[in-house]
C-alpha atoms as a PDB file:
ATOM      1  CA  MET A   1     -20.789 -12.977  22.580  1.00  0.00           C
ATOM      2  CA  ARG A   2     -17.825 -12.741  20.219  1.00  0.00           C
ATOM      3  CA  HIS A   3     -15.949 -15.409  22.151  1.00  0.00           C
ATOM      4  CA  LYS A   4     -18.935 -17.778  22.017  1.00  0.00           C
ATOM      5  CA  LYS A   5     -19.499 -17.494  18.258  1.00  0.00           C
ATOM      6  CA  THR A   6     -15.782 -17.618  17.484  1.00  0.00           C
ATOM      7  CA  ASN A   7     -15.457 -20.870  19.403  1.00  0.00           C
ATOM      8  CA  GLU A   8     -18.592 -22.272  17.760  1.00  0.00           C
ATOM      9  CA  VAL A   9     -17.299 -21.603  14.241  1.00  0.00           C
ATOM     10  CA  LYS A  10     -13.828 -22.876  15.127  1.00  0.00           C
ATOM     11  CA  ALA A  11     -15.301 -26.113  16.472  1.00  0.00           C
ATOM     12  CA  ILE A  12     -17.360 -26.607  13.308  1.00  0.00           C
ATOM     13  CA  PHE A  13     -14.382 -26.235  10.985  1.00  0.00           C
ATOM     14  CA  ASN A  14     -12.146 -28.392  13.129  1.00  0.00           C
ATOM     15  CA  LYS A  15     -14.734 -31.172  12.991  1.00  0.00           C
ATOM     16  CA  ILE A  16     -15.396 -31.015   9.236  1.00  0.00           C
ATOM     17  CA  SER A  17     -11.730 -30.544   8.284  1.00  0.00           C
ATOM     18  CA  TRP A  18     -11.185 -34.175   7.247  1.00  0.00           C
ATOM     19  CA  SER A  19     -13.996 -34.051   4.669  1.00  0.00           C
ATOM     20  CA  TYR A  20     -14.073 -30.341   3.840  1.00  0.00           C
ATOM     21  CA  ASP A  21     -12.479 -30.477   0.381  1.00  0.00           C
ATOM     22  CA  PHE A  22     -14.432 -33.555  -0.692  1.00  0.00           C
ATOM     23  CA  LEU A  23     -17.804 -32.206   0.436  1.00  0.00           C
ATOM     24  CA  ASN A  24     -17.088 -28.777  -1.058  1.00  0.00           C
ATOM     25  CA  SER A  25     -16.576 -30.371  -4.451  1.00  0.00           C
ATOM     26  CA  LEU A  26     -19.504 -32.737  -4.065  1.00  0.00           C
ATOM     27  CA  LEU A  27     -22.042 -30.195  -2.826  1.00  0.00           C
ATOM     28  CA  SER A  28     -21.038 -27.484  -5.306  1.00  0.00           C
ATOM     29  CA  PHE A  29     -20.754 -29.957  -8.205  1.00  0.00           C
ATOM     30  CA  GLY A  30     -17.101 -28.903  -8.414  1.00  0.00           C
ATOM     31  CA  LEU A  31     -18.028 -25.300  -9.202  1.00  0.00           C
ATOM     32  CA  HIS A  32     -16.507 -23.777  -6.054  1.00  0.00           C
ATOM     33  CA  LYS A  33     -13.096 -23.898  -7.735  1.00  0.00           C
ATOM     34  CA  SER A  34     -14.244 -21.736 -10.640  1.00  0.00           C
ATOM     35  CA  TRP A  35     -15.912 -19.273  -8.227  1.00  0.00           C
ATOM     36  CA  LYS A  36     -12.680 -18.896  -6.279  1.00  0.00           C
ATOM     37  CA  LYS A  37     -10.709 -18.478  -9.493  1.00  0.00           C
ATOM     38  CA  LYS A  38     -13.127 -15.745 -10.579  1.00  0.00           C
ATOM     39  CA  LEU A  39     -12.563 -13.918  -7.286  1.00  0.00           C
ATOM     40  CA  VAL A  40      -8.787 -14.016  -7.738  1.00  0.00           C
ATOM     41  CA  ASP A  41      -9.054 -12.925 -11.378  1.00  0.00           C
ATOM     42  CA  LEU A  42     -11.141  -9.909 -10.345  1.00  0.00           C
ATOM     43  CA  LEU A  43      -8.544  -8.904  -7.752  1.00  0.00           C
ATOM     44  CA  LYS A  44      -5.652  -9.142 -10.245  1.00  0.00           C
ATOM     45  CA  PRO A  45      -2.747 -10.078  -7.938  1.00  0.00           C
ATOM     46  CA  ILE A  46       0.637  -9.527  -9.600  1.00  0.00           C
ATOM     47  CA  ASP A  47       4.220 -10.661  -9.184  1.00  0.00           C
ATOM     48  CA  GLY A  48       5.895  -9.146  -6.133  1.00  0.00           C
ATOM     49  CA  GLU A  49       2.773  -8.393  -4.115  1.00  0.00           C
ATOM     50  CA  ASN A  50       2.103  -9.629  -0.590  1.00  0.00           C
ATOM     51  CA  TRP A  51      -1.331 -11.164  -0.042  1.00  0.00           C
ATOM     52  CA  ALA A  52      -3.274 -12.660   2.844  1.00  0.00           C
ATOM     53  CA  ASP A  53      -5.976 -15.312   2.656  1.00  0.00           C
ATOM     54  CA  LEU A  54      -8.059 -14.803   5.797  1.00  0.00           C
ATOM     55  CA  CYS A  55     -10.165 -17.671   7.168  1.00  0.00           C
ATOM     56  CA  CYS A  56      -8.142 -19.655   4.658  1.00  0.00           C
ATOM     57  CA  GLY A  57      -9.547 -23.092   5.485  1.00  0.00           C
ATOM     58  CA  THR A  58      -7.713 -25.714   3.434  1.00  0.00           C
ATOM     59  CA  GLY A  59      -5.951 -23.031   1.412  1.00  0.00           C
ATOM     60  CA  ASP A  60      -7.686 -23.035  -1.990  1.00  0.00           C
ATOM     61  CA  LEU A  61      -7.380 -19.272  -2.399  1.00  0.00           C
ATOM     62  CA  SER A  62      -3.849 -19.258  -1.004  1.00  0.00           C
ATOM     63  CA  PHE A  63      -2.686 -21.610  -3.747  1.00  0.00           C
ATOM     64  CA  LEU A  64      -4.424 -19.581  -6.465  1.00  0.00           C
ATOM     65  CA  LEU A  65      -2.826 -16.386  -5.167  1.00  0.00           C
ATOM     66  CA  LEU A  66       0.600 -18.016  -5.078  1.00  0.00           C
ATOM     67  CA  GLN A  67       0.449 -18.677  -8.822  1.00  0.00           C
ATOM     68  CA  LYS A  68      -0.078 -14.954  -9.434  1.00  0.00           C
ATOM     69  CA  VAL A  69       2.483 -13.374  -7.090  1.00  0.00           C
ATOM     70  CA  LEU A  70       5.497 -15.606  -7.731  1.00  0.00           C
ATOM     71  CA  PRO A  71       8.427 -15.396  -7.964  1.00  0.00           C
ATOM     72  CA  ASN A  72       8.814 -12.262  -5.859  1.00  0.00           C
ATOM     73  CA  GLY A  73       5.598 -12.087  -3.838  1.00  0.00           C
ATOM     74  CA  THR A  74       4.327 -13.835  -0.736  1.00  0.00           C
ATOM     75  CA  VAL A  75       1.072 -15.348   0.506  1.00  0.00           C
ATOM     76  CA  THR A  76      -0.014 -15.780   4.118  1.00  0.00           C
ATOM     77  CA  GLY A  77      -2.863 -18.155   4.966  1.00  0.00           C
ATOM     78  CA  ILE A  78      -4.536 -17.368   8.279  1.00  0.00           C
ATOM     79  CA  ASP A  79      -7.182 -19.385  10.099  1.00  0.00           C
ATOM     80  CA  SER A  80      -8.178 -19.906  13.718  1.00  0.00           C
ATOM     81  CA  ALA A  81      -9.112 -23.597  13.313  1.00  0.00           C
ATOM     82  CA  LYS A  82      -6.071 -25.814  13.900  1.00  0.00           C
ATOM     83  CA  GLU A  83      -7.285 -28.971  12.185  1.00  0.00           C
ATOM     84  CA  ILE A  84      -8.373 -27.359   8.937  1.00  0.00           C
ATOM     85  CA  LEU A  85      -5.136 -25.361   8.826  1.00  0.00           C
ATOM     86  CA  ASN A  86      -3.233 -28.629   9.163  1.00  0.00           C
ATOM     87  CA  VAL A  87      -4.978 -29.876   6.019  1.00  0.00           C
ATOM     88  CA  ALA A  88      -3.799 -26.761   4.179  1.00  0.00           C
ATOM     89  CA  LYS A  89      -0.222 -27.335   5.351  1.00  0.00           C
ATOM     90  CA  LYS A  90      -0.279 -30.950   4.154  1.00  0.00           C
ATOM     91  CA  LYS A  91      -1.482 -29.838   0.730  1.00  0.00           C
ATOM     92  CA  ALA A  92       1.258 -27.205   0.645  1.00  0.00           C
ATOM     93  CA  ASN A  93       3.914 -29.847   1.306  1.00  0.00           C
ATOM     94  CA  LEU A  94       3.077 -31.387  -2.057  1.00  0.00           C
ATOM     95  CA  ILE A  95       4.005 -28.200  -3.912  1.00  0.00           C
ATOM     96  CA  GLU A  96       7.600 -27.948  -5.115  1.00  0.00           C
ATOM     97  CA  LYS A  97       7.800 -24.159  -4.812  1.00  0.00           C
ATOM     98  CA  ASN A  98       5.774 -23.287  -1.764  1.00  0.00           C
ATOM     99  CA  TYR A  99       6.143 -19.764  -0.410  1.00  0.00           C
ATOM    100  CA  ILE A 100       2.984 -19.722   1.678  1.00  0.00           C
ATOM    101  CA  SER A 101       3.231 -18.896   5.372  1.00  0.00           C
ATOM    102  CA  TRP A 102       0.521 -20.386   7.573  1.00  0.00           C
ATOM    103  CA  GLU A 103      -0.650 -18.730  10.784  1.00  0.00           C
ATOM    104  CA  MET A 104      -3.217 -19.957  13.290  1.00  0.00           C
ATOM    105  CA  GLN A 105      -4.917 -16.803  14.487  1.00  0.00           C
ATOM    106  CA  ASP A 106      -8.287 -15.124  14.836  1.00  0.00           C
ATOM    107  CA  ILE A 107      -8.411 -12.293  12.308  1.00  0.00           C
ATOM    108  CA  PHE A 108      -9.499  -9.791  14.964  1.00  0.00           C
ATOM    109  CA  GLU A 109      -6.265 -10.491  16.827  1.00  0.00           C
ATOM    110  CA  ILE A 110      -3.915  -9.789  13.899  1.00  0.00           C
ATOM    111  CA  ASP A 111      -1.656  -6.848  14.681  1.00  0.00           C
ATOM    112  CA  GLU A 112      -2.551  -4.346  11.960  1.00  0.00           C
ATOM    113  CA  TYR A 113       0.539  -2.310  12.731  1.00  0.00           C
ATOM    114  CA  LEU A 114       2.814  -5.203  11.808  1.00  0.00           C
ATOM    115  CA  LYS A 115       0.839  -6.724   8.947  1.00  0.00           C
ATOM    116  CA  ILE A 116       0.368  -4.638   5.825  1.00  0.00           C
ATOM    117  CA  TYR A 117      -0.788  -6.396   2.659  1.00  0.00           C
ATOM    118  CA  ASP A 118      -1.231  -5.371  -0.959  1.00  0.00           C
ATOM    119  CA  GLY A 119      -4.322  -7.518  -1.063  1.00  0.00           C
ATOM    120  CA  ILE A 120      -6.595  -9.646   1.104  1.00  0.00           C
ATOM    121  CA  CYS A 121      -9.182 -12.207   0.151  1.00  0.00           C
ATOM    122  CA  MET A 122     -11.588 -14.484   1.936  1.00  0.00           C
ATOM    123  CA  SER A 123     -13.913 -17.260   0.800  1.00  0.00           C
ATOM    124  CA  TYR A 124     -16.882 -18.266   2.944  1.00  0.00           C
ATOM    125  CA  GLY A 125     -15.426 -16.576   6.003  1.00  0.00           C
ATOM    126  CA  LEU A 126     -16.924 -13.099   6.215  1.00  0.00           C
ATOM    127  CA  ARG A 127     -20.354 -14.574   6.901  1.00  0.00           C
ATOM    128  CA  ASN A 128     -18.985 -16.455   9.904  1.00  0.00           C
ATOM    129  CA  LEU A 129     -17.442 -13.464  11.659  1.00  0.00           C
ATOM    130  CA  VAL A 130     -19.180 -12.337  14.822  1.00  0.00           C
ATOM    131  CA  ASN A 131     -19.328  -8.795  13.437  1.00  0.00           C
ATOM    132  CA  VAL A 132     -19.126  -8.288   9.674  1.00  0.00           C
ATOM    133  CA  GLU A 133     -18.522  -4.540   9.813  1.00  0.00           C
ATOM    134  CA  GLU A 134     -15.692  -4.959  12.312  1.00  0.00           C
ATOM    135  CA  GLY A 135     -14.254  -7.612  10.011  1.00  0.00           C
ATOM    136  CA  LEU A 136     -14.290  -5.203   7.061  1.00  0.00           C
ATOM    137  CA  LYS A 137     -12.661  -2.540   9.230  1.00  0.00           C
ATOM    138  CA  LYS A 138      -9.907  -4.963  10.238  1.00  0.00           C
ATOM    139  CA  VAL A 139      -9.286  -5.791   6.576  1.00  0.00           C
ATOM    140  CA  PHE A 140      -9.153  -2.081   5.737  1.00  0.00           C
ATOM    141  CA  ASN A 141      -6.517  -1.500   8.422  1.00  0.00           C
ATOM    142  CA  LEU A 142      -4.439  -4.464   7.241  1.00  0.00           C
ATOM    143  CA  LEU A 143      -4.208  -3.158   3.674  1.00  0.00           C
ATOM    144  CA  SER A 144      -1.600  -0.852   2.177  1.00  0.00           C
ATOM    145  CA  ASP A 145      -2.687   2.570   0.891  1.00  0.00           C
ATOM    146  CA  LYS A 146      -3.585   1.206  -2.561  1.00  0.00           C
ATOM    147  CA  GLY A 147      -4.699  -2.201  -1.308  1.00  0.00           C
ATOM    148  CA  ARG A 148      -7.742  -4.150  -2.427  1.00  0.00           C
ATOM    149  CA  ALA A 149      -9.793  -6.953  -0.980  1.00  0.00           C
ATOM    150  CA  GLY A 150     -12.275  -9.527  -2.204  1.00  0.00           C
ATOM    151  CA  PHE A 151     -14.804 -11.795  -0.539  1.00  0.00           C
ATOM    152  CA  LEU A 152     -16.660 -14.801  -1.926  1.00  0.00           C
ATOM    153  CA  ASP A 153     -19.639 -16.068   0.034  1.00  0.00           C
ATOM    154  CA  PHE A 154     -23.246 -17.194  -0.147  1.00  0.00           C
ATOM    155  CA  ASN A 155     -25.504 -14.419  -1.375  1.00  0.00           C
ATOM    156  CA  HIS A 156     -28.253 -13.345   1.009  1.00  0.00           C
ATOM    157  CA  SER A 157     -31.140 -13.005  -1.430  1.00  0.00           C
ATOM    158  CA  LYS A 158     -34.316 -11.125  -0.652  1.00  0.00           C
ATOM    159  CA  GLN A 159     -36.755 -13.238   1.348  1.00  0.00           C
ATOM    160  CA  ASN A 160     -39.142 -15.346  -0.745  1.00  0.00           C
ATOM    161  CA  SER A 161     -37.378 -14.458  -3.995  1.00  0.00           C
ATOM    162  CA  ILE A 162     -36.752 -17.304  -6.438  1.00  0.00           C
ATOM    163  CA  ALA A 163     -33.078 -17.335  -5.465  1.00  0.00           C
ATOM    164  CA  ASP A 164     -33.969 -17.456  -1.757  1.00  0.00           C
ATOM    165  CA  ILE A 165     -36.435 -20.328  -2.235  1.00  0.00           C
ATOM    166  CA  PHE A 166     -33.965 -22.287  -4.357  1.00  0.00           C
ATOM    167  CA  GLN A 167     -31.219 -21.741  -1.778  1.00  0.00           C
ATOM    168  CA  LYS A 168     -33.370 -23.073   1.062  1.00  0.00           C
ATOM    169  CA  ILE A 169     -34.397 -26.127  -0.969  1.00  0.00           C
ATOM    170  CA  TYR A 170     -30.788 -26.803  -1.916  1.00  0.00           C
ATOM    171  CA  LEU A 171     -29.546 -26.511   1.674  1.00  0.00           C
ATOM    172  CA  ARG A 172     -32.372 -28.460   3.292  1.00  0.00           C
ATOM    173  CA  LEU A 173     -32.889 -31.213   0.726  1.00  0.00           C
ATOM    174  CA  ILE A 174     -29.378 -31.675  -0.649  1.00  0.00           C
ATOM    175  CA  VAL A 175     -26.660 -30.265   1.611  1.00  0.00           C
ATOM    176  CA  VAL A 176     -27.955 -31.388   4.998  1.00  0.00           C
ATOM    177  CA  PRO A 177     -29.056 -34.911   3.923  1.00  0.00           C
ATOM    178  CA  ILE A 178     -25.724 -35.582   2.200  1.00  0.00           C
ATOM    179  CA  SER A 179     -23.727 -34.217   5.136  1.00  0.00           C
ATOM    180  CA  LYS A 180     -25.779 -36.472   7.395  1.00  0.00           C
ATOM    181  CA  ILE A 181     -24.165 -39.472   5.693  1.00  0.00           C
ATOM    182  CA  PHE A 182     -20.866 -38.185   7.032  1.00  0.00           C
ATOM    183  CA  LYS A 183     -22.418 -37.500  10.449  1.00  0.00           C
ATOM    184  CA  LEU A 184     -22.006 -33.763   9.911  1.00  0.00           C
ATOM    185  CA  SER A 185     -25.619 -32.656   9.470  1.00  0.00           C
ATOM    186  CA  LYS A 186     -25.492 -30.389  12.527  1.00  0.00           C
ATOM    187  CA  GLU A 187     -22.415 -28.601  11.221  1.00  0.00           C
ATOM    188  CA  TYR A 188     -23.836 -28.081   7.725  1.00  0.00           C
ATOM    189  CA  SER A 189     -27.234 -27.020   9.059  1.00  0.00           C
ATOM    190  CA  TYR A 190     -25.374 -23.990  10.374  1.00  0.00           C
ATOM    191  CA  ILE A 191     -25.006 -22.627   6.824  1.00  0.00           C
ATOM    192  CA  GLU A 192     -28.650 -21.574   6.472  1.00  0.00           C
ATOM    193  CA  LYS A 193     -28.599 -19.859   9.852  1.00  0.00           C
ATOM    194  CA  SER A 194     -25.423 -17.973   8.993  1.00  0.00           C
ATOM    195  CA  ILE A 195     -26.817 -16.764   5.648  1.00  0.00           C
ATOM    196  CA  LYS A 196     -29.929 -15.452   7.399  1.00  0.00           C
ATOM    197  CA  ASN A 197     -27.737 -13.309   9.659  1.00  0.00           C
ATOM    198  CA  PHE A 198     -25.472 -12.183   6.798  1.00  0.00           C
ATOM    199  CA  PRO A 199     -26.079  -8.722   5.257  1.00  0.00           C
ATOM    200  CA  GLU A 200     -27.399  -8.409   1.714  1.00  0.00           C
ATOM    201  CA  GLY A 201     -25.050  -7.118  -0.975  1.00  0.00           C
ATOM    202  CA  ASP A 202     -26.148  -3.473  -0.865  1.00  0.00           C
ATOM    203  CA  ILE A 203     -25.673  -3.418   2.914  1.00  0.00           C
ATOM    204  CA  LEU A 204     -22.172  -4.876   2.541  1.00  0.00           C
ATOM    205  CA  ILE A 205     -21.313  -2.034   0.164  1.00  0.00           C
ATOM    206  CA  LEU A 206     -22.553   0.561   2.667  1.00  0.00           C
ATOM    207  CA  MET A 207     -20.560  -1.098   5.455  1.00  0.00           C
ATOM    208  CA  ALA A 208     -17.405  -1.141   3.343  1.00  0.00           C
ATOM    209  CA  LYS A 209     -17.677   2.550   2.501  1.00  0.00           C
ATOM    210  CA  LYS A 210     -18.424   3.383   6.127  1.00  0.00           C
ATOM    211  CA  VAL A 211     -15.148   1.843   7.293  1.00  0.00           C
ATOM    212  CA  GLY A 212     -13.221   3.771   4.644  1.00  0.00           C
ATOM    213  CA  PHE A 213     -13.099   1.912   1.316  1.00  0.00           C
ATOM    214  CA  ASN A 214     -13.349   4.257  -1.672  1.00  0.00           C
ATOM    215  CA  LYS A 215     -14.653   1.671  -4.105  1.00  0.00           C
ATOM    216  CA  ALA A 216     -17.054  -1.168  -3.370  1.00  0.00           C
ATOM    217  CA  GLU A 217     -18.706  -3.469  -5.884  1.00  0.00           C
ATOM    218  CA  TYR A 218     -20.962  -6.450  -5.268  1.00  0.00           C
ATOM    219  CA  ARG A 219     -21.928  -8.953  -7.934  1.00  0.00           C
ATOM    220  CA  THR A 220     -23.826 -12.206  -7.801  1.00  0.00           C
ATOM    221  CA  ILE A 221     -22.918 -15.405  -9.627  1.00  0.00           C
ATOM    222  CA  PHE A 222     -24.457 -18.839 -10.121  1.00  0.00           C
ATOM    223  CA  PHE A 223     -28.087 -17.701 -10.358  1.00  0.00           C
ATOM    224  CA  ASN A 224     -27.713 -15.293  -7.405  1.00  0.00           C
ATOM    225  CA  GLN A 225     -26.637 -18.087  -5.073  1.00  0.00           C
ATOM    226  CA  MET A 226     -23.127 -16.722  -4.476  1.00  0.00           C
ATOM    227  CA  GLY A 227     -21.859 -13.166  -4.082  1.00  0.00           C
ATOM    228  CA  ILE A 228     -18.509 -11.503  -4.668  1.00  0.00           C
ATOM    229  CA  LEU A 229     -17.596  -8.269  -2.886  1.00  0.00           C
ATOM    230  CA  ILE A 230     -14.642  -6.333  -4.343  1.00  0.00           C
ATOM    231  CA  LEU A 231     -13.168  -3.423  -2.365  1.00  0.00           C
ATOM    232  CA  GLU A 232     -10.448  -0.842  -3.008  1.00  0.00           C
ATOM    233  CA  LYS A 233      -8.923   1.763  -0.673  1.00  0.00           C
END
């Protein structure tokens, strides 16, 4: 089951890689950049720390982290989809001082005995993991003793709430029709399905504490459409 979903998600991101940044900006009205910046600001990376951006996609979070940890820190961007990782690498080549390492790897296959990070973040990736709790456990094991982690993703609102109704309208009447122009409607239709299977914020907190995190906070932004999960060991 894990293998099937992992391959499905990888195929989706490989296919949409060429238009991922453009459609992200278009469909979020450019707001996704401020949401990612808010996540990084909440995590407070500092000079000299070593961070990982899991399911890094085209590297937006990796570049934001790099600004915080230089000149003595490092950033590692990790993703299992080759094509979207290639986009991140091309963007990195345009940066004069680029200290980001890029790795093509499934996060469940990262050797937690070799990789220890001060911090880990992920945007729109936790929802796509075959097992969210196992993903949180992997993150926990990859962190140093005082490490922290943050996740930005769609918020799973309570069924038939105003936020839930708005989200469905937005996805069905805006996201899918626009993606259809780019012949990617099937790939973007997947978003609604993935949100449905994604735990609500209070469940994410319980999962995080179950795997060992001492502190877990979940907050919603943009009219409850997006959620940010902040964890500390």
